[in-house]
Amino acid sequence: MMEKRLQEIIRLSGEISHIKDLDLLMERILTEVRHIVRADAGSIYLKMGDRLEFNYTQNETQQRRLPKGGKLVYSTFSLPIDNTSIAGYVAATGEELNIADVYDLPDSAPYTFGKEFDKKARYRTHSIFVLPLKTFQHDIVGVLQIINAQDEDGQIASFSEEDAQLIRHFGISAAVALERAQMTRTIFLRMIRMAELRDPKETGPHVSRVAAYTTELYKVYASRKQIASREIDRQCDVLRSAAMLHDVGKVGISDSILKKPARLTDEEFDAMKQHTLIGSRLFSDAQSDIDKAAAEVTLNHHERWDGAGYPARKSGEGIPLFGRLVAVADVYDALSSRRCYKEAWGEEEVLSELRNGAGSQFDADLVSDFLSIHDLIKSIRTRYPEPD
């Protein structure tokens, strides 16, 4: 049995090494490790300086309480790397922890467990296995926290030594993959910061939100179209990165236009439209699926369903899917955000604008899909706030 589970770990380690998107990778890591050790829940924290950022969580018990197709909405937060929490202690010491019941910690334990989440979520955390995610160079990139192991009858149990060995093996590959994905994300954000020097509206939080909205919107679309889960994962892996780069072509637009704090003239707007062509040309020598997707997104995200968009006045399903997806996400975020020339619109006003644009500016089915996950969309907004 152990040998079979180890073979599964080896296979999964190879699969996650090919995932480029950081968020998709964290979701896959949690899903797979929970499946392998039959755990009900889990979380991943990423190390950012002297703090841990709570980046991703899964909870099967809570998931079952949701309507079919619903997704857990959670808030991100950060923890100090110290003894005030179990995850912080593991990150600070580099030591793993295997605790049978976190409500029954010995008085000598140098860490504590906060019950606030359990009370709020009507959940009971029992067993917990917490692993520092270390690279081959022994650098800690994050913490993997697996919660409530289950026996073959579905009853809560402790994590066995065999479970611990499997999580350790997978944790090495997960740490390396996370480090690589973080480097990829950093490169994209540096490209965005370059664009931000030209266009103050093109911020890291803006593109992160648009990318996250677009990915979640695609998942709803793909589920409606009954697309296979493996294909959904593959598409999401390239779509999020491509969506982050949707306006990178603005680096080729004049400052007098990009930074004008007033409405553009018709001539200036015609010049602004060129950013779609400039962006697509940046990826014309495509070397990867991300390049191809980025070319599609940069060129098509300002086309309109009714054919009145730009640059090519495409219409309907003649507009590539990725462009149609980003169009909805980008407009939602632009209207919801404060700019130097306008205040943020109210949420109901933004949603009304999307509804009014369904079938003319936007693919009506995608607007319906977007509205169906509005709670999740709002949680993403809080995850990537604009700096003060």
Protein backbone atom coordinates (compact mmCIF):
# COMPACT_ATOMS: atom_id res chain seq x y z
CA MET A 1 0.00 0.00 0.00
CA MET A 2 2.80 2.42 0.94
CA GLU A 3 4.64 1.66 -2.30
CA LYS A 4 1.53 2.40 -4.36
CA ARG A 5 1.01 5.72 -2.57
CA LEU A 6 4.66 6.65 -3.08
CA GLN A 7 4.31 5.97 -6.80
CA GLU A 8 1.33 8.30 -6.82
CA ILE A 9 3.44 10.97 -5.08
CA ILE A 10 6.16 10.62 -7.70
CA ARG A 11 3.63 10.93 -10.53
CA LEU A 12 2.01 14.00 -8.98
CA SER A 13 5.38 15.61 -8.32
CA GLY A 14 6.10 15.40 -12.02
CA GLU A 15 2.71 16.92 -12.89
CA ILE A 16 2.93 19.93 -10.58
CA SER A 17 6.42 20.73 -11.86
CA HIS A 18 4.76 21.82 -15.14
CA ILE A 19 2.22 24.19 -13.56
CA LYS A 20 3.30 27.79 -14.07
CA ASP A 21 0.52 29.75 -12.36
CA LEU A 22 1.03 30.25 -8.63
CA ASP A 23 -2.64 30.19 -7.61
CA LEU A 24 -3.48 27.14 -9.68
CA LEU A 25 -0.42 25.40 -8.27
CA MET A 26 -1.47 26.04 -4.67
CA GLU A 27 -4.96 24.71 -5.41
CA ARG A 28 -3.52 21.58 -7.02
CA ILE A 29 -1.04 20.95 -4.19
CA LEU A 30 -3.78 21.11 -1.56
CA THR A 31 -6.18 18.99 -3.56
CA GLU A 32 -3.66 16.23 -4.18
CA VAL A 33 -2.09 16.03 -0.74
CA ARG A 34 -5.53 15.98 0.91
CA HIS A 35 -6.59 13.17 -1.40
CA ILE A 36 -3.47 11.13 -0.68
CA VAL A 37 -3.84 11.25 3.12
CA ARG A 38 -7.67 11.52 3.19
CA ALA A 39 -7.71 14.91 4.93
CA ASP A 40 -10.83 17.05 5.23
CA ALA A 41 -9.17 20.46 4.95
CA GLY A 42 -5.92 22.30 4.44
CA SER A 43 -4.24 25.65 3.89
CA ILE A 44 -1.10 27.05 2.29
CA TYR A 45 0.84 30.01 3.60
CA LEU A 46 3.54 31.69 1.52
CA LYS A 47 6.54 33.32 3.16
CA MET A 48 6.77 37.03 2.38
CA GLY A 49 9.65 38.64 4.23
CA ASP A 50 9.14 38.18 7.97
CA ARG A 51 5.48 37.20 7.65
CA LEU A 52 3.34 34.36 6.33
CA GLU A 53 0.56 35.22 3.92
CA PHE A 54 -2.54 33.02 4.08
CA ASN A 55 -3.02 32.37 0.39
CA TYR A 56 -5.22 29.34 -0.16
CA THR A 57 -7.55 27.05 1.76
CA GLN A 58 -9.82 24.08 1.17
CA ASN A 59 -12.42 22.57 3.48
CA GLU A 60 -14.56 19.64 2.35
CA THR A 61 -17.02 19.94 5.24
CA GLN A 62 -17.72 23.58 4.45
CA GLN A 63 -17.82 22.85 0.73
CA ARG A 64 -20.64 20.36 1.24
CA ARG A 65 -22.73 23.11 2.86
CA LEU A 66 -22.62 25.18 -0.33
CA PRO A 67 -25.00 24.89 -3.29
CA LYS A 68 -23.78 22.67 -6.11
CA GLY A 69 -21.00 24.44 -7.98
CA GLY A 70 -20.42 26.93 -5.14
CA LYS A 71 -16.94 27.87 -4.05
CA LEU A 72 -15.58 28.77 -0.64
CA VAL A 73 -15.10 32.51 -0.11
CA TYR A 74 -12.29 33.39 2.26
CA SER A 75 -10.28 36.41 3.30
CA THR A 76 -6.53 36.59 3.03
CA PHE A 77 -4.44 37.73 5.97
CA SER A 78 -0.86 37.52 7.19
CA LEU A 79 0.79 36.11 10.30
CA PRO A 80 4.07 36.98 11.96
CA ILE A 81 6.72 34.28 11.76
CA ASP A 82 6.94 33.59 15.48
CA ASN A 83 5.39 31.46 18.22
CA THR A 84 1.99 33.19 18.26
CA SER A 85 0.56 30.63 15.82
CA ILE A 86 1.26 27.05 14.78
CA ALA A 87 2.06 28.01 11.17
CA GLY A 88 4.26 30.89 12.35
CA TYR A 89 6.15 28.55 14.69
CA VAL A 90 6.79 26.03 11.90
CA ALA A 91 8.07 28.77 9.59
CA ALA A 92 10.28 30.21 12.33
CA THR A 93 11.83 26.90 13.43
CA GLY A 94 11.70 24.87 10.25
CA GLU A 95 10.23 21.99 12.27
CA GLU A 96 7.15 20.02 11.22
CA LEU A 97 4.32 19.39 13.68
CA ASN A 98 1.95 16.42 13.91
CA ILE A 99 -0.76 17.19 16.47
CA ALA A 100 -3.55 14.76 17.32
CA ASP A 101 -5.91 17.43 18.73
CA VAL A 102 -5.13 21.14 18.63
CA TYR A 103 -7.73 21.76 21.35
CA ASP A 104 -5.63 19.67 23.74
CA LEU A 105 -2.18 21.20 23.47
CA PRO A 106 0.15 20.66 26.45
CA ASP A 107 0.90 23.69 28.60
CA SER A 108 4.54 23.38 27.58
CA ALA A 109 3.75 23.91 23.87
CA PRO A 110 5.57 27.03 22.63
CA TYR A 111 2.74 27.83 20.19
CA THR A 112 -1.02 28.33 20.47
CA PHE A 113 -4.06 27.51 18.38
CA GLY A 114 -6.67 30.18 17.78
CA LYS A 115 -10.24 28.87 17.81
CA GLU A 116 -11.73 31.98 16.21
CA PHE A 117 -11.93 30.49 12.72
CA ASP A 118 -13.61 27.31 13.98
CA LYS A 119 -16.26 29.31 15.84
CA LYS A 120 -16.96 31.55 12.86
CA ALA A 121 -17.08 28.66 10.38
CA ARG A 122 -18.92 26.20 12.68
CA TYR A 123 -16.04 23.81 12.24
CA ARG A 124 -13.96 21.66 14.60
CA THR A 125 -10.27 21.26 13.93
CA HIS A 126 -8.85 18.07 15.47
CA SER A 127 -5.71 16.60 13.95
CA ILE A 128 -3.25 18.75 12.08
CA PHE A 129 0.00 18.15 10.23
CA VAL A 130 2.06 21.24 9.47
CA LEU A 131 5.08 21.10 7.18
CA PRO A 132 7.61 23.81 6.35
CA LEU A 133 7.99 23.89 2.57
CA LYS A 134 11.74 23.83 2.01
CA THR A 135 13.61 23.97 -1.29
CA PHE A 136 16.70 21.89 -2.00
CA GLN A 137 18.70 24.85 -0.67
CA HIS A 138 16.71 24.54 2.60
CA ASP A 139 15.03 27.91 2.06
CA ILE A 140 11.49 28.00 3.49
CA VAL A 141 9.05 29.31 0.87
CA GLY A 142 5.89 28.61 2.81
CA VAL A 143 3.94 26.33 5.13
CA LEU A 144 1.58 23.49 4.23
CA GLN A 145 -1.10 22.81 6.83
CA ILE A 146 -3.25 19.66 6.46
CA ILE A 147 -6.26 19.31 8.76
CA ASN A 148 -8.40 16.45 10.07
CA ALA A 149 -7.14 13.16 8.72
CA GLN A 150 -9.91 10.61 8.15
CA ASP A 151 -9.90 6.84 8.44
CA GLU A 152 -11.45 4.51 5.85
CA ASP A 153 -14.88 5.01 7.46
CA GLY A 154 -14.63 8.79 7.20
CA GLN A 155 -14.05 9.29 10.93
CA ILE A 156 -11.57 11.92 12.14
CA ALA A 157 -8.21 10.36 12.99
CA SER A 158 -4.63 11.35 13.67
CA PHE A 159 -2.06 11.58 10.89
CA SER A 160 -0.04 8.37 10.85
CA GLU A 161 3.70 8.16 10.32
CA GLU A 162 3.00 6.81 6.84
CA ASP A 163 0.88 9.90 6.15
CA ALA A 164 3.71 12.09 7.42
CA GLN A 165 6.26 10.42 5.13
CA LEU A 166 4.03 10.92 2.10
CA ILE A 167 3.43 14.59 2.90
CA ARG A 168 7.17 15.13 3.39
CA HIS A 169 7.98 13.55 0.01
CA PHE A 170 5.36 15.63 -1.77
CA GLY A 171 6.37 18.74 0.19
CA ILE A 172 9.84 18.80 -1.37
CA SER A 173 8.45 18.86 -4.90
CA ALA A 174 5.75 21.32 -3.86
CA ALA A 175 8.32 23.74 -2.42
CA VAL A 176 10.42 23.69 -5.59
CA ALA A 177 7.35 24.17 -7.79
CA LEU A 178 6.13 27.04 -5.61
CA GLU A 179 9.51 28.74 -5.76
CA ARG A 180 9.50 28.47 -9.56
CA ALA A 181 5.92 29.74 -9.85
CA GLN A 182 6.68 32.67 -7.55
CA MET A 183 9.62 33.60 -9.78
CA THR A 184 7.35 33.48 -12.84
CA ARG A 185 4.72 35.64 -11.10
CA THR A 186 7.44 38.10 -10.07
CA ILE A 187 8.65 38.43 -13.66
CA PHE A 188 5.11 39.21 -14.84
CA LEU A 189 4.60 41.76 -12.07
CA ARG A 190 7.86 43.45 -13.01
CA MET A 191 6.56 43.76 -16.56
CA ILE A 192 3.40 45.29 -15.12
CA ARG A 193 5.42 47.73 -13.00
CA MET A 194 7.21 48.77 -16.17
CA ALA A 195 3.84 49.48 -17.75
CA GLU A 196 2.75 51.27 -14.55
CA LEU A 197 5.62 53.74 -15.00
CA ARG A 198 3.88 54.75 -18.23
CA ASP A 199 0.25 54.27 -17.19
CA PRO A 200 -0.57 54.83 -13.49
CA LYS A 201 -3.86 52.92 -13.91
CA GLU A 202 -2.04 49.69 -14.82
CA THR A 203 -1.18 48.62 -11.26
CA GLY A 204 -0.15 45.26 -9.89
CA PRO A 205 -3.38 44.90 -7.85
CA HIS A 206 -5.49 45.81 -10.91
CA VAL A 207 -3.95 43.16 -13.14
CA SER A 208 -3.99 40.58 -10.34
CA ARG A 209 -7.71 41.18 -9.84
CA VAL A 210 -8.48 41.04 -13.56
CA ALA A 211 -6.50 37.81 -13.86
CA ALA A 212 -8.27 36.23 -10.88
CA TYR A 213 -11.74 37.33 -12.07
CA THR A 214 -11.01 36.00 -15.55
CA THR A 215 -9.83 32.62 -14.29
CA GLU A 216 -12.85 32.12 -12.05
CA LEU A 217 -15.16 33.22 -14.86
CA TYR A 218 -13.54 30.70 -17.20
CA LYS A 219 -14.12 27.92 -14.66
CA VAL A 220 -17.85 28.67 -14.61
CA TYR A 221 -17.96 28.80 -18.41
CA ALA A 222 -16.00 25.55 -18.70
CA SER A 223 -18.26 23.79 -16.21
CA ARG A 224 -21.30 24.93 -18.17
CA LYS A 225 -19.72 23.59 -21.35
CA GLN A 226 -18.80 20.33 -19.56
CA ILE A 227 -15.12 20.71 -20.36
CA ALA A 228 -12.89 18.07 -18.74
CA SER A 229 -11.22 19.10 -15.48
CA ARG A 230 -7.71 18.42 -16.80
CA GLU A 231 -8.34 20.75 -19.75
CA ILE A 232 -9.75 23.39 -17.39
CA ASP A 233 -6.55 23.26 -15.33
CA ARG A 234 -4.42 23.51 -18.47
CA GLN A 235 -6.30 26.52 -19.77
CA CYS A 236 -6.35 28.28 -16.39
CA ASP A 237 -2.59 27.86 -16.13
CA VAL A 238 -2.04 30.05 -19.20
CA LEU A 239 -5.13 32.26 -18.93
CA ARG A 240 -4.25 33.88 -15.62
CA SER A 241 -0.81 34.95 -16.84
CA ALA A 242 -2.20 36.15 -20.17
CA ALA A 243 -4.93 38.15 -18.43
CA MET A 244 -2.33 39.90 -16.26
CA LEU A 245 -0.69 41.17 -19.45
CA HIS A 246 -3.89 42.43 -21.12
CA ASP A 247 -2.78 46.08 -21.32
CA VAL A 248 0.98 45.68 -21.53
CA GLY A 249 0.87 47.24 -25.02
CA LYS A 250 0.33 50.63 -23.36
CA VAL A 251 4.11 50.87 -22.99
CA GLY A 252 4.06 52.02 -26.63
CA ILE A 253 1.54 54.85 -26.09
CA SER A 254 2.54 58.48 -25.52
CA ASP A 255 2.64 59.81 -21.94
CA SER A 256 0.54 62.80 -23.02
CA ILE A 257 -2.29 60.36 -23.71
CA LEU A 258 -1.75 57.79 -20.97
CA LYS A 259 -1.42 60.34 -18.18
CA LYS A 260 -4.00 62.85 -19.37
CA PRO A 261 -6.31 63.50 -16.38
CA ALA A 262 -9.27 64.31 -18.61
CA ARG A 263 -11.35 62.78 -21.36
CA LEU A 264 -9.39 61.93 -24.52
CA THR A 265 -10.15 63.59 -27.81
CA ASP A 266 -11.25 61.38 -30.71
CA GLU A 267 -7.75 61.61 -32.17
CA GLU A 268 -6.13 60.70 -28.87
CA PHE A 269 -8.52 57.77 -28.39
CA ASP A 270 -7.63 56.45 -31.83
CA ALA A 271 -3.98 56.54 -30.77
CA MET A 272 -4.83 54.78 -27.49
CA LYS A 273 -6.51 51.96 -29.41
CA GLN A 274 -3.13 51.04 -30.84
CA HIS A 275 -2.13 49.46 -27.50
CA THR A 276 -4.01 46.31 -28.51
CA LEU A 277 -1.91 45.93 -31.67
CA ILE A 278 1.32 46.83 -29.87
CA GLY A 279 0.57 44.28 -27.15
CA SER A 280 -0.14 41.48 -29.60
CA ARG A 281 3.08 42.22 -31.49
CA LEU A 282 5.06 41.76 -28.27
CA PHE A 283 4.02 38.10 -28.37
CA SER A 284 4.12 37.56 -32.14
CA ASP A 285 7.12 35.22 -31.88
CA ALA A 286 5.23 32.91 -29.51
CA GLN A 287 7.46 30.42 -27.71
CA SER A 288 4.85 29.02 -25.32
CA ASP A 289 1.14 28.61 -24.69
CA ILE A 290 1.28 31.67 -22.43
CA ASP A 291 2.69 33.75 -25.31
CA LYS A 292 -0.12 32.57 -27.60
CA ALA A 293 -2.77 33.31 -24.98
CA ALA A 294 -1.27 36.72 -24.19
CA ALA A 295 -1.32 37.64 -27.90
CA GLU A 296 -5.00 36.63 -28.05
CA VAL A 297 -5.93 38.60 -24.94
CA THR A 298 -3.99 41.80 -25.70
CA LEU A 299 -5.43 41.97 -29.22
CA ASN A 300 -9.07 41.13 -28.48
CA HIS A 301 -10.10 42.36 -25.03
CA HIS A 302 -11.58 45.62 -26.40
CA GLU A 303 -13.64 43.96 -29.13
CA ARG A 304 -17.41 44.11 -28.58
CA TRP A 305 -20.02 41.41 -29.04
CA ASP A 306 -21.97 43.70 -31.40
CA GLY A 307 -18.94 44.42 -33.58
CA ALA A 308 -18.46 48.03 -32.46
CA GLY A 309 -15.16 47.42 -30.63
CA TYR A 310 -11.54 47.66 -31.72
CA PRO A 311 -9.07 47.08 -33.31
CA ALA A 312 -10.70 44.72 -35.86
CA ARG A 313 -14.44 45.16 -35.14
CA LYS A 314 -14.88 41.44 -34.57
CA SER A 315 -18.26 40.31 -33.28
CA GLY A 316 -19.98 37.48 -31.43
CA GLU A 317 -18.09 34.22 -31.20
CA GLY A 318 -15.70 35.58 -33.81
CA ILE A 319 -14.00 37.20 -30.81
CA PRO A 320 -11.69 34.59 -29.23
CA LEU A 321 -12.94 33.29 -25.88
CA PHE A 322 -10.04 34.61 -23.82
CA GLY A 323 -10.64 38.11 -25.17
CA ARG A 324 -14.35 37.92 -24.30
CA LEU A 325 -13.56 36.73 -20.77
CA VAL A 326 -11.05 39.48 -20.06
CA ALA A 327 -13.42 42.11 -21.49
CA VAL A 328 -15.97 41.42 -18.72
CA ALA A 329 -13.35 41.22 -15.95
CA ASP A 330 -11.48 44.35 -17.06
CA VAL A 331 -14.56 46.56 -17.31
CA TYR A 332 -15.84 45.36 -13.93
CA ASP A 333 -12.56 46.24 -12.25
CA ALA A 334 -12.11 49.55 -14.08
CA LEU A 335 -15.58 50.74 -13.05
CA SER A 336 -15.13 49.46 -9.48
CA SER A 337 -11.80 51.26 -9.01
CA ARG A 338 -10.96 54.87 -8.30
CA ARG A 339 -8.96 56.64 -10.97
CA CYS A 340 -7.39 60.10 -11.15
CA TYR A 341 -10.25 61.18 -13.42
CA LYS A 342 -13.15 59.44 -11.62
CA GLU A 343 -14.38 57.94 -8.36
CA ALA A 344 -15.14 54.24 -8.02
CA TRP A 345 -18.67 53.33 -9.00
CA GLY A 346 -21.00 51.70 -6.50
CA GLU A 347 -21.29 47.93 -6.73
CA GLU A 348 -24.91 47.88 -7.90
CA GLU A 349 -24.14 50.54 -10.49
CA VAL A 350 -21.28 48.41 -11.85
CA LEU A 351 -23.41 45.28 -12.01
CA SER A 352 -26.18 47.20 -13.75
CA GLU A 353 -23.67 48.37 -16.36
CA LEU A 354 -22.61 44.78 -17.02
CA ARG A 355 -26.23 43.67 -17.36
CA ASN A 356 -26.96 46.54 -19.74
CA GLY A 357 -23.93 45.58 -21.83
CA ALA A 358 -24.88 41.90 -22.09
CA GLY A 359 -25.50 41.05 -25.72
CA SER A 360 -24.06 44.32 -27.01
CA GLN A 361 -20.68 45.01 -25.42
CA PHE A 362 -20.27 41.60 -23.80
CA ASP A 363 -21.09 37.94 -24.38
CA ALA A 364 -24.42 37.69 -22.50
CA ASP A 365 -23.73 34.15 -21.28
CA LEU A 366 -20.42 35.26 -19.76
CA VAL A 367 -22.12 38.15 -17.97
CA SER A 368 -24.56 35.66 -16.45
CA ASP A 369 -21.66 33.44 -15.44
CA PHE A 370 -19.88 36.40 -13.85
CA LEU A 371 -22.94 37.47 -11.88
CA SER A 372 -23.39 33.90 -10.61
CA ILE A 373 -20.07 34.14 -8.72
CA HIS A 374 -20.46 37.71 -7.49
CA ASP A 375 -19.63 36.81 -3.86
CA LEU A 376 -16.39 35.20 -4.99
CA ILE A 377 -15.59 38.22 -7.17
CA LYS A 378 -16.02 40.55 -4.19
CA SER A 379 -13.69 38.42 -2.09
CA ILE A 380 -11.03 38.66 -4.81
CA ARG A 381 -11.29 42.46 -4.68
CA THR A 382 -10.36 42.40 -0.99
CA ARG A 383 -7.47 40.02 -1.71
CA TYR A 384 -5.74 42.52 -4.01
CA PRO A 385 -6.37 46.03 -2.61
CA GLU A 386 -4.82 49.13 -4.10
CA PRO A 387 -2.01 50.59 -1.95
CA ASP A 388 -2.95 53.59 0.19
